[in-house]
Amino acid sequence: TASRALVLHESAVHPLTVDAAAASGQEVVVVVGPEGGIADDELAAF
């Protein structure tokens, strides 16, 4: 349901960026994993 959905992950290729114009009036959802990291099946579901 989010306008922009982001998952913080150490192996991600892309840096976190949010365009100011595109984000205006929108909703950004960020997922933060546990100490042991996000499991592969969870990352795939997201």
All heavy atoms as atom14 arrays in JSON, in Angstrom:
{
  "sequence": "TASRALVLHESAVHPLTVDAAAASGQEVVVVVGPEGGIADDELAAF",
  "atom14_mask": [
    [1, 1, 1, 1, 1, 1, 1, 0, 0, 0, 0, 0, 0, 0],
    [1, 1, 1, 1, 1, 0, 0, 0, 0, 0, 0, 0, 0, 0],
    [1, 1, 1, 1, 1, 1, 0, 0, 0, 0, 0, 0, 0, 0],
    [1, 1, 1, 1, 1, 1, 1, 1, 1, 1, 1, 0, 0, 0],
    [1, 1, 1, 1, 1, 0, 0, 0, 0, 0, 0, 0, 0, 0],
    [1, 1, 1, 1, 1, 1, 1, 1, 0, 0, 0, 0, 0, 0],
    [1, 1, 1, 1, 1, 1, 1, 0, 0, 0, 0, 0, 0, 0],
    [1, 1, 1, 1, 1, 1, 1, 1, 0, 0, 0, 0, 0, 0],
    [1, 1, 1, 1, 1, 1, 1, 1, 1, 1, 0, 0, 0, 0],
    [1, 1, 1, 1, 1, 1, 1, 1, 1, 0, 0, 0, 0, 0],
    [1, 1, 1, 1, 1, 1, 0, 0, 0, 0, 0, 0, 0, 0],
    [1, 1, 1, 1, 1, 0, 0, 0, 0, 0, 0, 0, 0, 0],
    [1, 1, 1, 1, 1, 1, 1, 0, 0, 0, 0, 0, 0, 0],
    [1, 1, 1, 1, 1, 1, 1, 1, 1, 1, 0, 0, 0, 0],
    [1, 1, 1, 1, 1, 1, 1, 0, 0, 0, 0, 0, 0, 0],
    [1, 1, 1, 1, 1, 1, 1, 1, 0, 0, 0, 0, 0, 0],
    [1, 1, 1, 1, 1, 1, 1, 0, 0, 0, 0, 0, 0, 0],
    [1, 1, 1, 1, 1, 1, 1, 0, 0, 0, 0, 0, 0, 0],
    [1, 1, 1, 1, 1, 1, 1, 1, 0, 0, 0, 0, 0, 0],
    [1, 1, 1, 1, 1, 0, 0, 0, 0, 0, 0, 0, 0, 0],
    [1, 1, 1, 1, 1, 0, 0, 0, 0, 0, 0, 0, 0, 0],
    [1, 1, 1, 1, 1, 0, 0, 0, 0, 0, 0, 0, 0, 0],
    [1, 1, 1, 1, 1, 0, 0, 0, 0, 0, 0, 0, 0, 0],
    [1, 1, 1, 1, 1, 1, 0, 0, 0, 0, 0, 0, 0, 0],
    [1, 1, 1, 1, 0, 0, 0, 0, 0, 0, 0, 0, 0, 0],
    [1, 1, 1, 1, 1, 1, 1, 1, 1, 0, 0, 0, 0, 0],
    [1, 1, 1, 1, 1, 1, 1, 1, 1, 0, 0, 0, 0, 0],
    [1, 1, 1, 1, 1, 1, 1, 0, 0, 0, 0, 0, 0, 0],
    [1, 1, 1, 1, 1, 1, 1, 0, 0, 0, 0, 0, 0, 0],
    [1, 1, 1, 1, 1, 1, 1, 0, 0, 0, 0, 0, 0, 0],
    [1, 1, 1, 1, 1, 1, 1, 0, 0, 0, 0, 0, 0, 0],
    [1, 1, 1, 1, 1, 1, 1, 0, 0, 0, 0, 0, 0, 0],
    [1, 1, 1, 1, 0, 0, 0, 0, 0, 0, 0, 0, 0, 0],
    [1, 1, 1, 1, 1, 1, 1, 0, 0, 0, 0, 0, 0, 0],
    [1, 1, 1, 1, 1, 1, 1, 1, 1, 0, 0, 0, 0, 0],
    [1, 1, 1, 1, 0, 0, 0, 0, 0, 0, 0, 0, 0, 0],
    [1, 1, 1, 1, 0, 0, 0, 0, 0, 0, 0, 0, 0, 0],
    [1, 1, 1, 1, 1, 1, 1, 1, 0, 0, 0, 0, 0, 0],
    [1, 1, 1, 1, 1, 0, 0, 0, 0, 0, 0, 0, 0, 0],
    [1, 1, 1, 1, 1, 1, 1, 1, 0, 0, 0, 0, 0, 0],
    [1, 1, 1, 1, 1, 1, 1, 1, 0, 0, 0, 0, 0, 0],
    [1, 1, 1, 1, 1, 1, 1, 1, 1, 0, 0, 0, 0, 0],
    [1, 1, 1, 1, 1, 1, 1, 1, 0, 0, 0, 0, 0, 0],
    [1, 1, 1, 1, 1, 0, 0, 0, 0, 0, 0, 0, 0, 0],
    [1, 1, 1, 1, 1, 0, 0, 0, 0, 0, 0, 0, 0, 0],
    [1, 1, 1, 1, 1, 1, 1, 1, 1, 1, 1, 0, 0, 0]
  ],
  "atom14_positions": [
    [[0.82, -1.22, 0.0], [0.0, 0.0, 0.0], [0.85, 1.27, 0.0], [0.31, 2.37, -0.11], [-0.92, 0.03, 1.23], [-0.13, 0.18, 2.43], [-1.73, -1.27, 1.34], [0.0, 0.0, 0.0], [0.0, 0.0, 0.0], [0.0, 0.0, 0.0], [0.0, 0.0, 0.0], [0.0, 0.0, 0.0], [0.0, 0.0, 0.0], [0.0, 0.0, 0.0]],
    [[2.16, 1.14, 0.16], [3.04, 2.31, 0.28], [3.34, 2.92, -1.09], [3.4, 2.22, -2.11], [4.34, 1.91, 0.96], [0.0, 0.0, 0.0], [0.0, 0.0, 0.0], [0.0, 0.0, 0.0], [0.0, 0.0, 0.0], [0.0, 0.0, 0.0], [0.0, 0.0, 0.0], [0.0, 0.0, 0.0], [0.0, 0.0, 0.0], [0.0, 0.0, 0.0]],
    [[3.55, 4.22, -1.09], [4.01, 4.89, -2.3], [5.43, 4.48, -2.64], [5.8, 4.33, -3.81], [3.95, 6.41, -2.12], [2.67, 6.81, -1.69], [0.0, 0.0, 0.0], [0.0, 0.0, 0.0], [0.0, 0.0, 0.0], [0.0, 0.0, 0.0], [0.0, 0.0, 0.0], [0.0, 0.0, 0.0], [0.0, 0.0, 0.0], [0.0, 0.0, 0.0]],
    [[6.24, 4.32, -1.6], [7.62, 3.87, -1.76], [7.95, 2.94, -0.6], [7.8, 3.33, 0.56], [8.57, 5.07, -1.77], [10.03, 4.73, -2.03], [10.32, 4.59, -3.51], [11.66, 4.12, -3.76], [12.75, 4.93, -3.78], [12.6, 6.23, -3.58], [13.93, 4.43, -4.04], [0.0, 0.0, 0.0], [0.0, 0.0, 0.0], [0.0, 0.0, 0.0]],
    [[8.37, 1.72, -0.91], [8.69, 0.73, 0.12], [10.16, 0.36, 0.0], [10.64, 0.0, -1.08], [7.82, -0.51, -0.05], [0.0, 0.0, 0.0], [0.0, 0.0, 0.0], [0.0, 0.0, 0.0], [0.0, 0.0, 0.0], [0.0, 0.0, 0.0], [0.0, 0.0, 0.0], [0.0, 0.0, 0.0], [0.0, 0.0, 0.0], [0.0, 0.0, 0.0]],
    [[10.87, 0.46, 1.12], [12.31, 0.23, 1.14], [12.66, -0.77, 2.24], [12.09, -0.73, 3.32], [13.06, 1.54, 1.4], [12.74, 2.72, 0.48], [13.36, 3.99, 1.03], [13.22, 2.44, -0.93], [0.0, 0.0, 0.0], [0.0, 0.0, 0.0], [0.0, 0.0, 0.0], [0.0, 0.0, 0.0], [0.0, 0.0, 0.0], [0.0, 0.0, 0.0]],
    [[13.6, -1.65, 1.95], [14.09, -2.61, 2.93], [15.58, -2.38, 3.12], [16.36, -2.47, 2.15], [13.85, -4.06, 2.48], [14.37, -5.03, 3.54], [12.38, -4.31, 2.21], [0.0, 0.0, 0.0], [0.0, 0.0, 0.0], [0.0, 0.0, 0.0], [0.0, 0.0, 0.0], [0.0, 0.0, 0.0], [0.0, 0.0, 0.0], [0.0, 0.0, 0.0]],
    [[16.0, -2.06, 4.33], [17.42, -1.85, 4.59], [18.11, -3.21, 4.62], [17.74, -4.09, 5.4], [17.62, -1.13, 5.92], [16.91, 0.23, 6.07], [17.28, 0.85, 7.41], [17.26, 1.17, 4.93], [0.0, 0.0, 0.0], [0.0, 0.0, 0.0], [0.0, 0.0, 0.0], [0.0, 0.0, 0.0], [0.0, 0.0, 0.0], [0.0, 0.0, 0.0]],
    [[19.13, -3.35, 3.77], [19.82, -4.64, 3.69], [21.27, -4.41, 3.3], [21.57, -3.66, 2.36], [19.14, -5.55, 2.67], [19.48, -7.0, 2.83], [20.59, -7.58, 2.27], [18.85, -7.98, 3.54], [20.63, -8.87, 2.61], [19.59, -9.13, 3.37], [0.0, 0.0, 0.0], [0.0, 0.0, 0.0], [0.0, 0.0, 0.0], [0.0, 0.0, 0.0]],
    [[22.17, -5.07, 4.01], [23.6, -4.81, 3.81], [24.11, -5.23, 2.44], [25.1, -4.68, 1.95], [24.41, -5.55, 4.88], [24.23, -7.05, 4.87], [24.91, -7.73, 6.04], [26.11, -8.03, 5.92], [24.25, -7.94, 7.06], [0.0, 0.0, 0.0], [0.0, 0.0, 0.0], [0.0, 0.0, 0.0], [0.0, 0.0, 0.0], [0.0, 0.0, 0.0]],
    [[23.44, -6.18, 1.78], [23.9, -6.64, 0.47], [23.21, -5.93, -0.69], [23.43, -6.29, -1.85], [23.69, -8.16, 0.34], [22.3, -8.46, 0.38], [0.0, 0.0, 0.0], [0.0, 0.0, 0.0], [0.0, 0.0, 0.0], [0.0, 0.0, 0.0], [0.0, 0.0, 0.0], [0.0, 0.0, 0.0], [0.0, 0.0, 0.0], [0.0, 0.0, 0.0]],
    [[22.38, -4.93, -0.39], [21.68, -4.21, -1.44], [22.67, -3.46, -2.33], [23.72, -2.99, -1.88], [20.68, -3.24, -0.84], [0.0, 0.0, 0.0], [0.0, 0.0, 0.0], [0.0, 0.0, 0.0], [0.0, 0.0, 0.0], [0.0, 0.0, 0.0], [0.0, 0.0, 0.0], [0.0, 0.0, 0.0], [0.0, 0.0, 0.0], [0.0, 0.0, 0.0]],
    [[22.33, -3.36, -3.61], [23.19, -2.67, -4.58], [22.94, -1.17, -4.57], [23.87, -0.36, -4.66], [22.96, -3.24, -6.0], [23.75, -2.44, -7.02], [23.32, -4.72, -6.04], [0.0, 0.0, 0.0], [0.0, 0.0, 0.0], [0.0, 0.0, 0.0], [0.0, 0.0, 0.0], [0.0, 0.0, 0.0], [0.0, 0.0, 0.0], [0.0, 0.0, 0.0]],
    [[21.7, -0.78, -4.42], [21.33, 0.63, -4.56], [21.36, 1.34, -3.21], [20.9, 0.79, -2.2], [19.94, 0.75, -5.17], [19.81, 0.13, -6.52], [20.37, 0.68, -7.65], [19.21, -1.02, -6.92], [20.11, -0.09, -8.68], [19.41, -1.13, -8.27], [0.0, 0.0, 0.0], [0.0, 0.0, 0.0], [0.0, 0.0, 0.0], [0.0, 0.0, 0.0]],
    [[21.84, 2.58, -3.17], [21.8, 3.38, -1.94], [20.39, 3.9, -1.7], [19.56, 3.96, -2.63], [22.77, 4.52, -2.23], [22.7, 4.69, -3.72], [22.51, 3.3, -4.26], [0.0, 0.0, 0.0], [0.0, 0.0, 0.0], [0.0, 0.0, 0.0], [0.0, 0.0, 0.0], [0.0, 0.0, 0.0], [0.0, 0.0, 0.0], [0.0, 0.0, 0.0]],
    [[20.1, 4.29, -0.47], [18.8, 4.83, -0.14], [18.68, 6.23, -0.73], [19.45, 7.13, -0.39], [18.61, 4.88, 1.37], [17.21, 5.23, 1.9], [17.07, 4.73, 3.32], [16.91, 6.71, 1.85], [0.0, 0.0, 0.0], [0.0, 0.0, 0.0], [0.0, 0.0, 0.0], [0.0, 0.0, 0.0], [0.0, 0.0, 0.0], [0.0, 0.0, 0.0]],
    [[17.7, 6.43, -1.6], [17.41, 7.74, -2.16], [15.89, 7.91, -2.25], [15.17, 6.95, -2.54], [18.01, 7.93, -3.57], [17.5, 6.92, -4.45], [19.53, 7.85, -3.52], [0.0, 0.0, 0.0], [0.0, 0.0, 0.0], [0.0, 0.0, 0.0], [0.0, 0.0, 0.0], [0.0, 0.0, 0.0], [0.0, 0.0, 0.0], [0.0, 0.0, 0.0]],
    [[15.43, 9.11, -2.0], [14.01, 9.43, -2.14], [13.92, 10.79, -2.81], [14.41, 11.78, -2.28], [13.29, 9.47, -0.78], [11.85, 9.93, -0.95], [13.34, 8.11, -0.11], [0.0, 0.0, 0.0], [0.0, 0.0, 0.0], [0.0, 0.0, 0.0], [0.0, 0.0, 0.0], [0.0, 0.0, 0.0], [0.0, 0.0, 0.0], [0.0, 0.0, 0.0]],
    [[13.32, 10.83, -3.99], [13.19, 12.08, -4.71], [12.2, 12.99, -3.99], [11.07, 12.59, -3.7], [12.71, 11.82, -6.14], [12.57, 13.11, -6.93], [13.61, 13.67, -7.33], [11.44, 13.56, -7.11], [0.0, 0.0, 0.0], [0.0, 0.0, 0.0], [0.0, 0.0, 0.0], [0.0, 0.0, 0.0], [0.0, 0.0, 0.0], [0.0, 0.0, 0.0]],
    [[12.61, 14.19, -3.7], [11.78, 15.11, -2.92], [10.46, 15.43, -3.62], [9.41, 15.45, -2.99], [12.55, 16.4, -2.66], [0.0, 0.0, 0.0], [0.0, 0.0, 0.0], [0.0, 0.0, 0.0], [0.0, 0.0, 0.0], [0.0, 0.0, 0.0], [0.0, 0.0, 0.0], [0.0, 0.0, 0.0], [0.0, 0.0, 0.0], [0.0, 0.0, 0.0]],
    [[10.5, 15.67, -4.92], [9.28, 16.02, -5.65], [8.32, 14.84, -5.7], [7.12, 14.96, -5.48], [9.63, 16.48, -7.06], [0.0, 0.0, 0.0], [0.0, 0.0, 0.0], [0.0, 0.0, 0.0], [0.0, 0.0, 0.0], [0.0, 0.0, 0.0], [0.0, 0.0, 0.0], [0.0, 0.0, 0.0], [0.0, 0.0, 0.0], [0.0, 0.0, 0.0]],
    [[8.86, 13.64, -5.95], [8.02, 12.46, -6.06], [7.44, 12.07, -4.71], [6.35, 11.51, -4.62], [8.81, 11.29, -6.63], [0.0, 0.0, 0.0], [0.0, 0.0, 0.0], [0.0, 0.0, 0.0], [0.0, 0.0, 0.0], [0.0, 0.0, 0.0], [0.0, 0.0, 0.0], [0.0, 0.0, 0.0], [0.0, 0.0, 0.0], [0.0, 0.0, 0.0]],
    [[8.16, 12.37, -3.62], [7.73, 11.96, -2.29], [6.69, 12.89, -1.69], [6.05, 12.54, -0.71], [8.94, 11.89, -1.36], [0.0, 0.0, 0.0], [0.0, 0.0, 0.0], [0.0, 0.0, 0.0], [0.0, 0.0, 0.0], [0.0, 0.0, 0.0], [0.0, 0.0, 0.0], [0.0, 0.0, 0.0], [0.0, 0.0, 0.0], [0.0, 0.0, 0.0]],
    [[6.52, 14.08, -2.26], [5.58, 15.05, -1.69], [4.17, 14.48, -1.67], [3.65, 14.04, -2.69], [5.62, 16.34, -2.5], [4.69, 17.28, -1.98], [0.0, 0.0, 0.0], [0.0, 0.0, 0.0], [0.0, 0.0, 0.0], [0.0, 0.0, 0.0], [0.0, 0.0, 0.0], [0.0, 0.0, 0.0], [0.0, 0.0, 0.0], [0.0, 0.0, 0.0]],
    [[3.55, 14.47, -0.5], [2.2, 13.96, -0.37], [2.11, 12.45, -0.39], [1.01, 11.9, -0.43], [0.0, 0.0, 0.0], [0.0, 0.0, 0.0], [0.0, 0.0, 0.0], [0.0, 0.0, 0.0], [0.0, 0.0, 0.0], [0.0, 0.0, 0.0], [0.0, 0.0, 0.0], [0.0, 0.0, 0.0], [0.0, 0.0, 0.0], [0.0, 0.0, 0.0]],
    [[3.24, 11.77, -0.35], [3.25, 10.31, -0.43], [3.65, 9.69, 0.9], [3.89, 10.39, 1.88], [4.23, 9.86, -1.53], [3.95, 10.45, -2.9], [2.58, 10.02, -3.45], [2.27, 8.84, -3.45], [1.79, 10.98, -3.88], [0.0, 0.0, 0.0], [0.0, 0.0, 0.0], [0.0, 0.0, 0.0], [0.0, 0.0, 0.0], [0.0, 0.0, 0.0]],
    [[3.72, 8.37, 0.91], [4.1, 7.63, 2.11], [5.29, 6.74, 1.81], [5.29, 5.99, 0.84], [2.92, 6.78, 2.58], [3.22, 5.97, 3.83], [2.06, 5.12, 4.25], [1.81, 4.07, 3.61], [1.37, 5.5, 5.23], [0.0, 0.0, 0.0], [0.0, 0.0, 0.0], [0.0, 0.0, 0.0], [0.0, 0.0, 0.0], [0.0, 0.0, 0.0]],
    [[6.31, 6.83, 2.66], [7.51, 6.01, 2.52], [7.55, 5.05, 3.69], [7.49, 5.46, 4.85], [8.78, 6.86, 2.49], [10.01, 5.98, 2.35], [8.72, 7.88, 1.35], [0.0, 0.0, 0.0], [0.0, 0.0, 0.0], [0.0, 0.0, 0.0], [0.0, 0.0, 0.0], [0.0, 0.0, 0.0], [0.0, 0.0, 0.0], [0.0, 0.0, 0.0]],
    [[7.65, 3.75, 3.4], [7.73, 2.72, 4.43], [9.12, 2.09, 4.38], [9.57, 1.66, 3.31], [6.65, 1.64, 4.25], [6.78, 0.58, 5.35], [5.26, 2.26, 4.28], [0.0, 0.0, 0.0], [0.0, 0.0, 0.0], [0.0, 0.0, 0.0], [0.0, 0.0, 0.0], [0.0, 0.0, 0.0], [0.0, 0.0, 0.0], [0.0, 0.0, 0.0]],
    [[9.78, 2.04, 5.52], [11.14, 1.49, 5.63], [11.1, 0.28, 6.56], [10.55, 0.36, 7.66], [12.13, 2.53, 6.16], [13.52, 1.92, 6.3], [12.16, 3.76, 5.27], [0.0, 0.0, 0.0], [0.0, 0.0, 0.0], [0.0, 0.0, 0.0], [0.0, 0.0, 0.0], [0.0, 0.0, 0.0], [0.0, 0.0, 0.0], [0.0, 0.0, 0.0]],
    [[11.69, -0.82, 6.12], [11.76, -2.03, 6.94], [13.16, -2.16, 7.54], [14.16, -2.1, 6.82], [11.45, -3.29, 6.12], [11.57, -4.54, 6.99], [10.05, -3.2, 5.51], [0.0, 0.0, 0.0], [0.0, 0.0, 0.0], [0.0, 0.0, 0.0], [0.0, 0.0, 0.0], [0.0, 0.0, 0.0], [0.0, 0.0, 0.0], [0.0, 0.0, 0.0]],
    [[13.21, -2.33, 8.85], [14.47, -2.52, 9.58], [14.48, -3.92, 10.17], [13.58, -4.29, 10.93], [14.63, -1.48, 10.7], [15.94, -1.7, 11.44], [14.56, -0.07, 10.14], [0.0, 0.0, 0.0], [0.0, 0.0, 0.0], [0.0, 0.0, 0.0], [0.0, 0.0, 0.0], [0.0, 0.0, 0.0], [0.0, 0.0, 0.0], [0.0, 0.0, 0.0]],
    [[15.48, -4.7, 9.83], [15.56, -6.07, 10.28], [16.1, -6.23, 11.68], [16.54, -5.26, 12.32], [0.0, 0.0, 0.0], [0.0, 0.0, 0.0], [0.0, 0.0, 0.0], [0.0, 0.0, 0.0], [0.0, 0.0, 0.0], [0.0, 0.0, 0.0], [0.0, 0.0, 0.0], [0.0, 0.0, 0.0], [0.0, 0.0, 0.0], [0.0, 0.0, 0.0]],
    [[16.11, -7.48, 12.19], [16.61, -7.77, 13.55], [18.13, -7.88, 13.57], [18.79, -7.75, 12.53], [15.95, -9.1, 13.87], [15.87, -9.77, 12.54], [15.57, -8.68, 11.55], [0.0, 0.0, 0.0], [0.0, 0.0, 0.0], [0.0, 0.0, 0.0], [0.0, 0.0, 0.0], [0.0, 0.0, 0.0], [0.0, 0.0, 0.0], [0.0, 0.0, 0.0]],
    [[18.68, -8.16, 14.75], [20.13, -8.27, 14.88], [20.71, -9.34, 13.97], [21.8, -9.18, 13.42], [20.5, -8.61, 16.34], [20.12, -7.56, 17.35], [18.8, -7.84, 18.01], [17.9, -8.4, 17.34], [18.64, -7.51, 19.2], [0.0, 0.0, 0.0], [0.0, 0.0, 0.0], [0.0, 0.0, 0.0], [0.0, 0.0, 0.0], [0.0, 0.0, 0.0]],
    [[19.98, -10.44, 13.78], [20.47, -11.53, 12.95], [20.25, -11.33, 11.46], [20.63, -12.18, 10.65], [0.0, 0.0, 0.0], [0.0, 0.0, 0.0], [0.0, 0.0, 0.0], [0.0, 0.0, 0.0], [0.0, 0.0, 0.0], [0.0, 0.0, 0.0], [0.0, 0.0, 0.0], [0.0, 0.0, 0.0], [0.0, 0.0, 0.0], [0.0, 0.0, 0.0]],
    [[19.66, -10.22, 11.08], [19.44, -9.93, 9.68], [18.09, -10.45, 9.18], [17.42, -11.25, 9.83], [0.0, 0.0, 0.0], [0.0, 0.0, 0.0], [0.0, 0.0, 0.0], [0.0, 0.0, 0.0], [0.0, 0.0, 0.0], [0.0, 0.0, 0.0], [0.0, 0.0, 0.0], [0.0, 0.0, 0.0], [0.0, 0.0, 0.0], [0.0, 0.0, 0.0]],
    [[17.71, -9.98, 8.01], [16.46, -10.4, 7.39], [16.69, -11.71, 6.65], [17.62, -11.83, 5.86], [15.95, -9.31, 6.42], [15.68, -8.01, 7.18], [14.69, -9.77, 5.69], [15.29, -6.85, 6.3], [0.0, 0.0, 0.0], [0.0, 0.0, 0.0], [0.0, 0.0, 0.0], [0.0, 0.0, 0.0], [0.0, 0.0, 0.0], [0.0, 0.0, 0.0]],
    [[15.85, -12.69, 6.9], [15.99, -14.0, 6.26], [15.68, -13.89, 4.77], [14.95, -13.0, 4.32], [15.05, -15.01, 6.92], [0.0, 0.0, 0.0], [0.0, 0.0, 0.0], [0.0, 0.0, 0.0], [0.0, 0.0, 0.0], [0.0, 0.0, 0.0], [0.0, 0.0, 0.0], [0.0, 0.0, 0.0], [0.0, 0.0, 0.0], [0.0, 0.0, 0.0]],
    [[16.22, -14.83, 3.99], [16.04, -14.8, 2.54], [14.57, -14.87, 2.14], [14.14, -14.16, 1.21], [16.81, -15.95, 1.89], [18.32, -15.77, 1.97], [18.77, -14.64, 2.23], [19.05, -16.78, 1.79], [0.0, 0.0, 0.0], [0.0, 0.0, 0.0], [0.0, 0.0, 0.0], [0.0, 0.0, 0.0], [0.0, 0.0, 0.0], [0.0, 0.0, 0.0]],
    [[13.78, -15.71, 2.83], [12.37, -15.82, 2.46], [11.61, -14.54, 2.8], [10.67, -14.15, 2.09], [11.73, -17.03, 3.12], [11.79, -16.99, 4.64], [12.71, -16.35, 5.19], [10.9, -17.59, 5.29], [0.0, 0.0, 0.0], [0.0, 0.0, 0.0], [0.0, 0.0, 0.0], [0.0, 0.0, 0.0], [0.0, 0.0, 0.0], [0.0, 0.0, 0.0]],
    [[12.02, -13.86, 3.87], [11.39, -12.58, 4.22], [11.73, -11.52, 3.18], [10.86, -10.76, 2.73], [11.86, -12.14, 5.6], [11.38, -13.04, 6.73], [12.05, -12.77, 8.06], [13.18, -12.23, 8.06], [11.45, -13.08, 9.11], [0.0, 0.0, 0.0], [0.0, 0.0, 0.0], [0.0, 0.0, 0.0], [0.0, 0.0, 0.0], [0.0, 0.0, 0.0]],
    [[12.99, -11.48, 2.78], [13.42, -10.51, 1.77], [12.68, -10.76, 0.46], [12.26, -9.8, -0.21], [14.93, -10.6, 1.56], [15.57, -9.5, 0.7], [15.37, -8.14, 1.36], [17.06, -9.79, 0.51], [0.0, 0.0, 0.0], [0.0, 0.0, 0.0], [0.0, 0.0, 0.0], [0.0, 0.0, 0.0], [0.0, 0.0, 0.0], [0.0, 0.0, 0.0]],
    [[12.5, -12.02, 0.1], [11.79, -12.36, -1.13], [10.33, -11.93, -1.04], [9.75, -11.42, -2.02], [11.89, -13.86, -1.39], [0.0, 0.0, 0.0], [0.0, 0.0, 0.0], [0.0, 0.0, 0.0], [0.0, 0.0, 0.0], [0.0, 0.0, 0.0], [0.0, 0.0, 0.0], [0.0, 0.0, 0.0], [0.0, 0.0, 0.0], [0.0, 0.0, 0.0]],
    [[9.71, -12.12, 0.12], [8.31, -11.72, 0.29], [8.15, -10.21, 0.16], [7.19, -9.72, -0.44], [7.79, -12.2, 1.65], [0.0, 0.0, 0.0], [0.0, 0.0, 0.0], [0.0, 0.0, 0.0], [0.0, 0.0, 0.0], [0.0, 0.0, 0.0], [0.0, 0.0, 0.0], [0.0, 0.0, 0.0], [0.0, 0.0, 0.0], [0.0, 0.0, 0.0]],
    [[9.1, -9.47, 0.71], [9.03, -8.02, 0.64], [9.27, -7.54, -0.8], [8.63, -6.58, -1.26], [10.04, -7.4, 1.59], [9.79, -7.73, 3.04], [10.82, -7.67, 3.98], [8.53, -8.12, 3.48], [10.58, -7.97, 5.31], [8.28, -8.43, 4.81], [9.32, -8.37, 5.73], [0.0, 0.0, 0.0], [0.0, 0.0, 0.0], [0.0, 0.0, 0.0]]
  ]
}
